[in-house]
Protein backbone atom coordinates (compact mmCIF):
# COMPACT_ATOMS: atom_id res chain seq x y z
CA MET A 1 9.58 146.32 153.54
CA GLY A 2 10.40 149.39 154.38
CA ILE A 3 13.58 150.58 155.52
CA TYR A 4 14.59 153.30 157.75
CA GLN A 5 18.32 153.81 159.53
CA TYR A 6 19.32 156.57 161.50
CA ILE A 7 22.92 157.48 161.58
CA HIS A 8 25.44 159.89 164.07
CA TYR A 9 29.06 160.03 162.90
CA ARG A 10 31.12 160.85 166.39
CA ASP A 11 34.49 161.24 164.52
CA VAL A 12 32.50 164.33 162.36
CA GLN A 13 29.56 164.73 164.63
CA ARG A 14 27.30 164.60 161.94
CA SER A 15 23.77 162.58 161.61
CA THR A 16 21.73 161.50 158.64
CA HIS A 17 18.45 159.78 158.24
CA ASN A 18 18.32 157.08 155.29
CA TYR A 19 15.02 155.11 154.03
CA GLY A 20 14.15 152.56 151.72
CA ALA A 21 12.64 149.38 150.84
CA SER A 22 13.20 146.01 149.96
CA LEU A 23 11.46 143.14 148.33
CA PHE A 24 12.46 138.94 149.33
CA THR A 25 11.92 135.75 148.44
CA ARG A 26 12.58 132.34 150.31
CA TYR A 27 12.58 128.93 148.44
CA PHE A 28 12.90 125.84 150.77
CA VAL A 29 14.93 123.48 148.92
CA LEU A 30 15.31 121.05 152.09
CA PRO A 31 12.04 121.10 154.51
CA LYS A 32 14.58 123.56 157.04
CA VAL A 33 17.27 124.86 154.61
CA TYR A 34 15.99 127.72 152.20
CA ALA A 35 17.79 129.89 149.54
CA THR A 36 16.82 133.74 149.32
CA ALA A 37 17.29 136.69 147.33
CA GLU A 38 15.85 140.01 147.89
CA TYR A 39 16.30 143.57 146.29
CA GLU A 40 16.66 147.05 148.51
CA GLN A 41 16.88 150.51 147.30
CA LEU A 42 18.63 152.93 149.74
CA ASN A 43 17.91 156.42 149.76
CA MET A 44 21.34 158.15 151.45
CA GLN A 45 23.10 161.21 152.25
CA THR A 46 26.98 161.21 151.86
CA ILE A 47 29.07 162.66 154.97
CA SER A 48 32.65 163.90 155.10
CA TYR A 49 34.49 166.15 157.26
CA GLN A 50 33.90 169.24 155.25
CA GLU A 51 29.93 168.79 154.30
CA ILE A 52 26.62 166.72 154.36
CA GLY A 53 26.34 165.94 150.53
CA ALA A 54 23.70 165.17 148.33
CA ARG A 55 20.88 162.22 148.65
CA ARG A 56 21.31 159.27 146.01
CA TRP A 57 19.66 155.65 145.70
CA VAL A 58 21.74 152.78 146.12
CA ASP A 59 20.61 149.43 144.76
CA ARG A 60 21.54 146.31 146.50
CA MET A 61 20.81 142.94 145.51
CA LEU A 62 21.39 139.73 147.78
CA ILE A 63 21.52 136.06 147.17
CA GLY A 64 22.19 133.23 149.54
CA ALA A 65 21.06 130.70 152.07
CA GLY A 66 19.74 129.39 155.45
CA TYR A 67 18.16 127.70 158.14
CA PHE A 68 14.92 127.69 159.57
CA GLN A 69 13.88 126.29 163.11
CA PRO A 70 10.32 126.14 163.38
CA ALA A 71 8.83 127.11 166.99
CA GLY A 72 5.29 126.36 167.35
CA ARG A 73 2.96 126.15 164.50
CA ARG A 74 4.05 129.80 162.73
CA GLY A 75 6.92 131.13 164.04
CA GLY A 76 10.38 129.59 164.26
CA PHE A 77 14.32 131.26 164.68
CA HIS A 78 16.24 131.62 160.93
CA LEU A 79 19.72 132.11 160.46
CA GLY A 80 21.10 133.32 157.43
CA ILE A 81 23.91 134.38 155.23
CA LEU A 82 24.14 136.54 152.09
CA TYR A 83 25.84 138.58 149.42
CA ASP A 84 25.74 141.58 147.72
CA VAL A 85 26.11 141.28 143.96
CA PHE A 86 26.41 144.63 143.54
CA TYR A 87 29.19 145.51 146.34
CA SER A 88 31.86 147.86 144.91
CA PRO A 89 35.09 148.60 146.98
CA THR A 90 35.83 150.89 144.84
CA ASP A 91 32.60 153.03 145.40
CA PRO A 92 33.12 155.38 148.07
CA TYR A 93 29.68 156.31 148.37
CA TYR A 94 28.52 152.74 148.71
CA PRO A 95 26.71 152.75 152.34
CA TYR A 96 28.30 149.03 153.17
CA GLN A 97 31.64 147.89 153.98
CA SER A 98 31.35 144.54 152.99
CA PRO A 99 29.18 142.53 151.13
CA PHE A 100 28.05 139.54 153.20
CA VAL A 101 24.89 140.24 155.41
CA TYR A 102 24.81 138.03 158.42
CA ARG A 103 20.71 137.47 159.46
CA ILE A 104 19.59 136.15 162.92
CA GLY A 105 15.86 136.24 163.73
CA PHE A 106 12.51 135.42 164.88
CA ILE A 107 9.44 134.73 163.23
CA PHE A 108 6.45 134.87 165.53
């Protein structure tokens, strides 16, 4: 799956474009409950008050679980929580502020 992020920082009046890709898998352990894993690579640019920094690749590995409610023959609603095992609160350039990711979505 492709990723594109446009981020505008109002406090420093600067913007950046991040991009990357991710692969994920789901395994249904019960008819409506699944385990999931996702690997993501994101090319991001660091921004500070003084300057726009160099681009760098950031890896992220998510593991978690979720619930899927079917709707119709192919679609449905899903709700999940994932944990980033590569999360580093001491890395000042890590793009995410929490190791937890919450997802809600529809599949058609």
